[in-house]
Amino acid sequence: MELNILDIQKIIPHRYPFLLIDKVIELEPNVKLVALKNVSVNEQFFVGHFPGEKVMPGVLIIEAMAQAGCVYFYYSKNMQGKNLIYYLAKVQSKFHAPVVPGDQLRIEITTIKLLPKVGFFKAEAFVKEKLVCEAEIGFGVKEA
């Protein structure tokens, strides 16, 4: 299953400039999700991080991974039609390489544990085939 930006906006409440995934290219509920984030030089955060050597902030890479995880949870727990709010609860991460303008992040999400209102998943972010970040992320969810 693939999802475009309009589909994603129906699932998570984030909007520009904080919506950090552009497309879902693969989604198999309870198995795997693959999302893309096109990193443009026009992103607002590049104005100050860092002006001389633009690098995507690690916290925003984590946020993009968490947003992809929310979409994964939504379909894995069959929440279609529900208006949900997601709250970040846990992050354990490692960064391996910088992400710069022109890169395309490919975010891969797999299940660690999914409960009715809590999700834990493994997230990996790649630029081409290079692993740039890996994390275990947990969050809680409630209906809005």
N, C-alpha and C. Protein backbone atom coordinates (compact mmCIF):
# COMPACT_ATOMS: atom_id res chain seq x y z
N MET A 1 0.84 -1.17 0.00
CA MET A 1 0.00 0.00 0.00
C MET A 1 0.89 1.24 0.00
N GLU A 2 0.51 2.25 -0.76
CA GLU A 2 1.21 3.54 -0.78
C GLU A 2 0.27 4.63 -0.29
N LEU A 3 0.84 5.67 0.32
CA LEU A 3 0.06 6.81 0.78
C LEU A 3 0.74 8.10 0.32
N ASN A 4 -0.04 9.04 -0.19
CA ASN A 4 0.53 10.33 -0.56
C ASN A 4 0.37 11.30 0.61
N ILE A 5 0.80 12.54 0.42
CA ILE A 5 0.79 13.51 1.50
C ILE A 5 -0.63 13.79 2.01
N LEU A 6 -1.62 13.78 1.12
CA LEU A 6 -3.00 14.02 1.55
C LEU A 6 -3.52 12.87 2.42
N ASP A 7 -3.14 11.65 2.08
CA ASP A 7 -3.50 10.49 2.90
C ASP A 7 -2.86 10.60 4.28
N ILE A 8 -1.59 10.99 4.32
CA ILE A 8 -0.86 11.11 5.58
C ILE A 8 -1.51 12.17 6.47
N GLN A 9 -1.94 13.29 5.88
CA GLN A 9 -2.55 14.37 6.65
C GLN A 9 -3.89 13.96 7.27
N LYS A 10 -4.51 12.93 6.75
CA LYS A 10 -5.75 12.43 7.35
C LYS A 10 -5.47 11.58 8.59
N ILE A 11 -4.22 11.14 8.75
CA ILE A 11 -3.86 10.21 9.83
C ILE A 11 -3.18 10.91 11.00
N ILE A 12 -2.24 11.81 10.70
CA ILE A 12 -1.53 12.52 11.77
C ILE A 12 -1.85 14.01 11.69
N PRO A 13 -1.85 14.70 12.84
CA PRO A 13 -2.27 16.10 12.86
C PRO A 13 -1.21 17.09 12.42
N HIS A 14 0.00 16.66 12.18
CA HIS A 14 1.10 17.57 11.86
C HIS A 14 0.88 18.27 10.51
N ARG A 15 1.30 19.52 10.43
CA ARG A 15 1.21 20.31 9.20
C ARG A 15 2.51 21.09 9.03
N TYR A 16 2.70 21.64 7.84
CA TYR A 16 3.89 22.44 7.55
C TYR A 16 4.05 23.51 8.62
N PRO A 17 5.23 23.72 9.14
CA PRO A 17 6.50 23.15 8.73
C PRO A 17 6.90 21.90 9.52
N PHE A 18 5.96 21.31 10.24
CA PHE A 18 6.33 20.19 11.11
C PHE A 18 5.89 18.83 10.58
N LEU A 19 5.27 18.77 9.43
CA LEU A 19 4.96 17.47 8.81
C LEU A 19 6.23 17.02 8.09
N LEU A 20 6.83 15.95 8.57
CA LEU A 20 8.17 15.59 8.13
C LEU A 20 8.26 14.28 7.34
N ILE A 21 7.14 13.75 6.89
CA ILE A 21 7.20 12.65 5.92
C ILE A 21 6.36 13.06 4.72
N ASP A 22 6.87 12.74 3.55
CA ASP A 22 6.23 13.17 2.30
C ASP A 22 5.38 12.08 1.66
N LYS A 23 5.76 10.83 1.87
CA LYS A 23 5.09 9.74 1.17
C LYS A 23 5.39 8.43 1.86
N VAL A 24 4.43 7.53 1.84
CA VAL A 24 4.65 6.16 2.28
C VAL A 24 4.69 5.31 1.02
N ILE A 25 5.79 4.61 0.81
CA ILE A 25 5.94 3.81 -0.42
C ILE A 25 5.68 2.33 -0.21
N GLU A 26 5.65 1.93 1.06
CA GLU A 26 5.37 0.52 1.36
C GLU A 26 4.72 0.46 2.74
N LEU A 27 3.63 -0.27 2.83
CA LEU A 27 2.96 -0.44 4.11
C LEU A 27 2.31 -1.80 4.17
N GLU A 28 2.81 -2.61 5.08
CA GLU A 28 2.21 -3.89 5.39
C GLU A 28 1.92 -3.88 6.89
N PRO A 29 0.65 -3.67 7.28
CA PRO A 29 0.33 -3.56 8.71
C PRO A 29 0.91 -4.70 9.53
N ASN A 30 1.43 -4.34 10.70
CA ASN A 30 2.04 -5.27 11.65
C ASN A 30 3.33 -5.90 11.15
N VAL A 31 3.83 -5.45 10.01
CA VAL A 31 5.08 -6.00 9.48
C VAL A 31 6.10 -4.89 9.23
N LYS A 32 5.75 -3.92 8.34
CA LYS A 32 6.74 -2.93 7.94
C LYS A 32 6.08 -1.73 7.26
N LEU A 33 6.70 -0.57 7.46
CA LEU A 33 6.33 0.65 6.73
C LEU A 33 7.61 1.27 6.21
N VAL A 34 7.57 1.80 5.00
CA VAL A 34 8.69 2.55 4.44
C VAL A 34 8.16 3.90 3.98
N ALA A 35 8.74 4.98 4.53
CA ALA A 35 8.32 6.34 4.21
C ALA A 35 9.51 7.13 3.67
N LEU A 36 9.20 8.20 2.94
CA LEU A 36 10.23 9.07 2.38
C LEU A 36 10.08 10.49 2.90
N LYS A 37 11.22 11.13 3.12
CA LYS A 37 11.30 12.56 3.44
C LYS A 37 12.32 13.17 2.51
N ASN A 38 11.86 14.06 1.63
CA ASN A 38 12.77 14.77 0.74
C ASN A 38 13.31 15.99 1.48
N VAL A 39 14.62 16.05 1.64
CA VAL A 39 15.25 17.10 2.42
C VAL A 39 15.66 18.22 1.47
N SER A 40 14.95 19.34 1.55
CA SER A 40 15.16 20.47 0.65
C SER A 40 15.96 21.57 1.34
N VAL A 41 16.77 22.28 0.57
CA VAL A 41 17.52 23.41 1.10
C VAL A 41 16.57 24.50 1.59
N ASN A 42 15.32 24.47 1.15
CA ASN A 42 14.32 25.48 1.55
C ASN A 42 13.69 25.21 2.91
N GLU A 43 14.05 24.12 3.59
CA GLU A 43 13.49 23.83 4.90
C GLU A 43 13.84 24.97 5.86
N GLN A 44 12.87 25.36 6.70
CA GLN A 44 13.08 26.49 7.62
C GLN A 44 14.24 26.25 8.59
N PHE A 45 14.44 25.01 9.02
CA PHE A 45 15.48 24.76 10.03
C PHE A 45 16.88 24.99 9.49
N PHE A 46 17.06 24.96 8.16
CA PHE A 46 18.40 25.18 7.62
C PHE A 46 18.87 26.63 7.76
N VAL A 47 17.95 27.56 8.03
CA VAL A 47 18.33 28.96 8.22
C VAL A 47 19.31 29.08 9.39
N GLY A 48 19.09 28.31 10.43
CA GLY A 48 19.95 28.44 11.60
C GLY A 48 20.72 27.19 11.99
N HIS A 49 20.62 26.11 11.22
CA HIS A 49 21.26 24.84 11.62
C HIS A 49 21.98 24.22 10.44
N PHE A 50 23.10 24.39 10.21
CA PHE A 50 24.01 25.47 10.57
C PHE A 50 24.20 26.31 9.32
N PRO A 51 24.18 27.65 9.40
CA PRO A 51 24.23 28.46 8.18
C PRO A 51 25.43 28.16 7.27
N GLY A 52 26.59 27.88 7.85
CA GLY A 52 27.78 27.62 7.05
C GLY A 52 27.88 26.20 6.53
N GLU A 53 27.22 25.26 7.19
CA GLU A 53 27.25 23.86 6.78
C GLU A 53 25.91 23.24 7.18
N LYS A 54 24.97 23.30 6.29
CA LYS A 54 23.59 22.91 6.59
C LYS A 54 23.49 21.41 6.91
N VAL A 55 22.91 21.11 8.07
CA VAL A 55 22.71 19.74 8.54
C VAL A 55 21.30 19.63 9.12
N MET A 56 20.56 18.59 8.73
CA MET A 56 19.23 18.38 9.31
C MET A 56 19.38 18.03 10.78
N PRO A 57 18.69 18.74 11.67
CA PRO A 57 18.80 18.44 13.10
C PRO A 57 18.38 17.00 13.42
N GLY A 58 19.16 16.35 14.26
CA GLY A 58 18.86 14.97 14.63
C GLY A 58 17.48 14.81 15.24
N VAL A 59 17.06 15.79 16.02
CA VAL A 59 15.75 15.70 16.64
C VAL A 59 14.64 15.66 15.58
N LEU A 60 14.85 16.30 14.44
CA LEU A 60 13.85 16.27 13.37
C LEU A 60 13.89 14.96 12.59
N ILE A 61 15.05 14.33 12.53
CA ILE A 61 15.12 12.98 11.95
C ILE A 61 14.31 12.03 12.83
N ILE A 62 14.48 12.16 14.14
CA ILE A 62 13.70 11.34 15.09
C ILE A 62 12.21 11.63 14.93
N GLU A 63 11.85 12.90 14.80
CA GLU A 63 10.44 13.27 14.64
C GLU A 63 9.86 12.67 13.35
N ALA A 64 10.62 12.69 12.26
CA ALA A 64 10.15 12.08 11.02
C ALA A 64 9.93 10.58 11.21
N MET A 65 10.84 9.94 11.93
CA MET A 65 10.69 8.51 12.23
C MET A 65 9.44 8.27 13.07
N ALA A 66 9.21 9.12 14.08
CA ALA A 66 8.05 8.97 14.95
C ALA A 66 6.76 9.16 14.15
N GLN A 67 6.73 10.14 13.24
CA GLN A 67 5.54 10.35 12.42
C GLN A 67 5.26 9.13 11.54
N ALA A 68 6.30 8.56 10.97
CA ALA A 68 6.13 7.34 10.17
C ALA A 68 5.59 6.21 11.06
N GLY A 69 6.10 6.14 12.30
CA GLY A 69 5.60 5.13 13.23
C GLY A 69 4.14 5.32 13.57
N CYS A 70 3.69 6.55 13.66
CA CYS A 70 2.27 6.82 13.93
C CYS A 70 1.39 6.32 12.79
N VAL A 71 1.81 6.53 11.56
CA VAL A 71 1.06 6.03 10.40
C VAL A 71 1.04 4.50 10.44
N TYR A 72 2.17 3.91 10.77
CA TYR A 72 2.26 2.45 10.89
C TYR A 72 1.29 1.93 11.95
N PHE A 73 1.28 2.57 13.13
CA PHE A 73 0.38 2.18 14.21
C PHE A 73 -1.07 2.28 13.77
N TYR A 74 -1.42 3.37 13.11
CA TYR A 74 -2.79 3.64 12.65
C TYR A 74 -3.33 2.48 11.82
N TYR A 75 -2.52 1.98 10.91
CA TYR A 75 -2.97 0.87 10.06
C TYR A 75 -2.80 -0.48 10.75
N SER A 76 -1.76 -0.64 11.54
CA SER A 76 -1.53 -1.92 12.20
C SER A 76 -2.60 -2.22 13.24
N LYS A 77 -3.11 -1.19 13.90
CA LYS A 77 -4.14 -1.35 14.93
C LYS A 77 -5.54 -1.08 14.38
N ASN A 78 -5.65 -0.96 13.04
CA ASN A 78 -6.95 -0.78 12.37
C ASN A 78 -7.73 0.40 12.95
N MET A 79 -7.09 1.57 12.98
CA MET A 79 -7.69 2.78 13.56
C MET A 79 -8.34 3.68 12.50
N GLN A 80 -8.53 3.18 11.29
CA GLN A 80 -9.08 3.99 10.22
C GLN A 80 -10.36 4.68 10.65
N GLY A 81 -10.44 5.96 10.32
CA GLY A 81 -11.61 6.75 10.65
C GLY A 81 -11.55 7.42 12.01
N LYS A 82 -10.53 7.11 12.82
CA LYS A 82 -10.41 7.71 14.15
C LYS A 82 -9.47 8.91 14.07
N ASN A 83 -9.80 9.93 14.84
CA ASN A 83 -8.97 11.13 14.94
C ASN A 83 -8.08 10.97 16.17
N LEU A 84 -6.80 10.74 15.96
CA LEU A 84 -5.89 10.40 17.06
C LEU A 84 -4.83 11.47 17.29
N ILE A 85 -4.41 11.56 18.54
CA ILE A 85 -3.27 12.39 18.93
C ILE A 85 -2.22 11.43 19.48
N TYR A 86 -0.97 11.62 19.05
CA TYR A 86 0.13 10.74 19.44
C TYR A 86 1.08 11.51 20.35
N TYR A 87 1.53 10.88 21.43
CA TYR A 87 2.45 11.50 22.37
C TYR A 87 3.72 10.67 22.46
N LEU A 88 4.84 11.31 22.16
CA LEU A 88 6.13 10.64 22.24
C LEU A 88 6.43 10.28 23.69
N ALA A 89 6.85 9.04 23.93
CA ALA A 89 7.10 8.57 25.29
C ALA A 89 8.54 8.13 25.52
N LYS A 90 9.19 7.59 24.47
CA LYS A 90 10.54 7.05 24.66
C LYS A 90 11.30 7.12 23.34
N VAL A 91 12.57 7.48 23.45
CA VAL A 91 13.46 7.46 22.29
C VAL A 91 14.83 6.98 22.75
N GLN A 92 15.35 6.00 22.05
CA GLN A 92 16.72 5.57 22.25
C GLN A 92 17.32 5.50 20.86
N SER A 93 18.32 6.34 20.58
CA SER A 93 18.78 6.47 19.19
C SER A 93 20.29 6.52 19.07
N LYS A 94 20.74 6.27 17.84
CA LYS A 94 22.14 6.41 17.46
C LYS A 94 22.17 7.08 16.09
N PHE A 95 23.06 8.04 15.95
CA PHE A 95 23.24 8.74 14.68
C PHE A 95 24.56 8.30 14.07
N HIS A 96 24.54 8.06 12.76
CA HIS A 96 25.73 7.54 12.10
C HIS A 96 26.31 8.47 11.05
N ALA A 97 25.50 9.37 10.49
CA ALA A 97 25.98 10.27 9.44
C ALA A 97 25.04 11.46 9.34
N PRO A 98 25.55 12.62 8.90
CA PRO A 98 24.68 13.79 8.75
C PRO A 98 23.74 13.65 7.56
N VAL A 99 22.63 14.38 7.64
CA VAL A 99 21.65 14.47 6.55
C VAL A 99 21.68 15.92 6.08
N VAL A 100 21.84 16.12 4.78
CA VAL A 100 22.05 17.46 4.23
C VAL A 100 21.05 17.74 3.11
N PRO A 101 20.91 19.02 2.71
CA PRO A 101 19.99 19.35 1.63
C PRO A 101 20.27 18.50 0.38
N GLY A 102 19.19 18.06 -0.25
CA GLY A 102 19.30 17.22 -1.43
C GLY A 102 19.19 15.74 -1.13
N ASP A 103 19.35 15.37 0.14
CA ASP A 103 19.21 13.96 0.52
C ASP A 103 17.73 13.56 0.54
N GLN A 104 17.50 12.28 0.36
CA GLN A 104 16.17 11.72 0.56
C GLN A 104 16.29 10.68 1.67
N LEU A 105 15.58 10.94 2.77
CA LEU A 105 15.55 9.98 3.87
C LEU A 105 14.55 8.88 3.54
N ARG A 106 14.99 7.65 3.68
CA ARG A 106 14.09 6.50 3.58
C ARG A 106 13.98 5.93 4.98
N ILE A 107 12.78 6.00 5.53
CA ILE A 107 12.54 5.59 6.91
C ILE A 107 11.84 4.25 6.92
N GLU A 108 12.40 3.29 7.63
CA GLU A 108 11.82 1.95 7.72
C GLU A 108 11.40 1.69 9.16
N ILE A 109 10.15 1.27 9.33
CA ILE A 109 9.56 1.03 10.64
C ILE A 109 9.17 -0.44 10.75
N THR A 110 9.53 -1.08 11.86
CA THR A 110 9.08 -2.45 12.16
C THR A 110 8.63 -2.51 13.62
N THR A 111 7.82 -3.49 13.91
CA THR A 111 7.21 -3.62 15.24
C THR A 111 8.18 -4.14 16.29
N ILE A 112 8.16 -3.51 17.44
CA ILE A 112 8.71 -4.10 18.65
C ILE A 112 7.54 -4.64 19.46
N LYS A 113 6.55 -3.75 19.77
CA LYS A 113 5.35 -4.17 20.50
C LYS A 113 4.24 -3.15 20.25
N LEU A 114 3.06 -3.64 19.93
CA LEU A 114 1.90 -2.77 19.74
C LEU A 114 0.78 -3.20 20.68
N LEU A 115 0.37 -2.28 21.52
CA LEU A 115 -0.73 -2.48 22.45
C LEU A 115 -1.89 -1.59 21.99
N PRO A 116 -3.06 -1.68 22.60
CA PRO A 116 -4.20 -0.88 22.12
C PRO A 116 -3.95 0.62 22.06
N LYS A 117 -3.23 1.19 23.04
CA LYS A 117 -3.01 2.64 23.06
C LYS A 117 -1.54 3.03 23.19
N VAL A 118 -0.66 2.07 22.94
CA VAL A 118 0.77 2.30 23.06
C VAL A 118 1.48 1.54 21.94
N GLY A 119 2.49 2.18 21.36
CA GLY A 119 3.27 1.51 20.33
C GLY A 119 4.76 1.66 20.58
N PHE A 120 5.49 0.59 20.33
CA PHE A 120 6.96 0.59 20.38
C PHE A 120 7.45 0.01 19.07
N PHE A 121 8.35 0.73 18.42
CA PHE A 121 8.82 0.23 17.14
C PHE A 121 10.29 0.55 16.93
N LYS A 122 10.89 -0.19 16.01
CA LYS A 122 12.26 0.04 15.58
C LYS A 122 12.19 0.91 14.34
N ALA A 123 13.01 1.94 14.30
CA ALA A 123 13.05 2.84 13.15
C ALA A 123 14.49 2.95 12.65
N GLU A 124 14.63 2.91 11.34
CA GLU A 124 15.93 3.13 10.72
C GLU A 124 15.76 4.15 9.61
N ALA A 125 16.71 5.07 9.50
CA ALA A 125 16.69 6.07 8.44
C ALA A 125 17.94 5.90 7.58
N PHE A 126 17.72 5.88 6.28
CA PHE A 126 18.80 5.69 5.31
C PHE A 126 18.84 6.86 4.34
N VAL A 127 20.03 7.19 3.86
CA VAL A 127 20.21 8.02 2.68
C VAL A 127 20.89 7.11 1.67
N LYS A 128 20.18 6.85 0.58
CA LYS A 128 20.57 5.80 -0.36
C LYS A 128 20.63 4.50 0.44
N GLU A 129 21.76 3.83 0.50
CA GLU A 129 21.85 2.58 1.26
C GLU A 129 22.57 2.76 2.59
N LYS A 130 22.96 4.00 2.90
CA LYS A 130 23.71 4.27 4.12
C LYS A 130 22.78 4.53 5.30
N LEU A 131 22.94 3.77 6.37
CA LEU A 131 22.19 3.97 7.61
C LEU A 131 22.69 5.26 8.26
N VAL A 132 21.78 6.24 8.44
CA VAL A 132 22.17 7.51 9.06
C VAL A 132 21.67 7.63 10.50
N CYS A 133 20.60 6.89 10.83
CA CYS A 133 20.06 6.95 12.19
C CYS A 133 19.27 5.69 12.46
N GLU A 134 19.35 5.19 13.69
CA GLU A 134 18.51 4.07 14.13
C GLU A 134 17.97 4.41 15.50
N ALA A 135 16.74 3.95 15.77
CA ALA A 135 16.12 4.29 17.04
C ALA A 135 15.07 3.27 17.43
N GLU A 136 14.84 3.19 18.73
CA GLU A 136 13.66 2.53 19.27
C GLU A 136 12.79 3.65 19.81
N ILE A 137 11.55 3.69 19.36
CA ILE A 137 10.65 4.79 19.69
C ILE A 137 9.37 4.23 20.28
N GLY A 138 8.90 4.87 21.34
CA GLY A 138 7.63 4.50 21.95
C GLY A 138 6.73 5.71 22.05
N PHE A 139 5.41 5.49 21.94
CA PHE A 139 4.46 6.59 22.06
C PHE A 139 3.13 6.07 22.57
N GLY A 140 2.36 7.00 23.11
CA GLY A 140 0.99 6.72 23.52
C GLY A 140 0.04 7.41 22.58
N VAL A 141 -1.19 6.94 22.53
CA VAL A 141 -2.17 7.51 21.62
C VAL A 141 -3.51 7.67 22.35
N LYS A 142 -4.23 8.75 22.00
CA LYS A 142 -5.58 8.94 22.51
C LYS A 142 -6.42 9.55 21.41
N GLU A 143 -7.73 9.36 21.49
CA GLU A 143 -8.62 9.97 20.51
C GLU A 143 -8.75 11.44 20.82
N ALA A 144 -8.74 12.25 19.76
CA ALA A 144 -8.85 13.71 19.92
C ALA A 144 -10.27 14.11 20.23
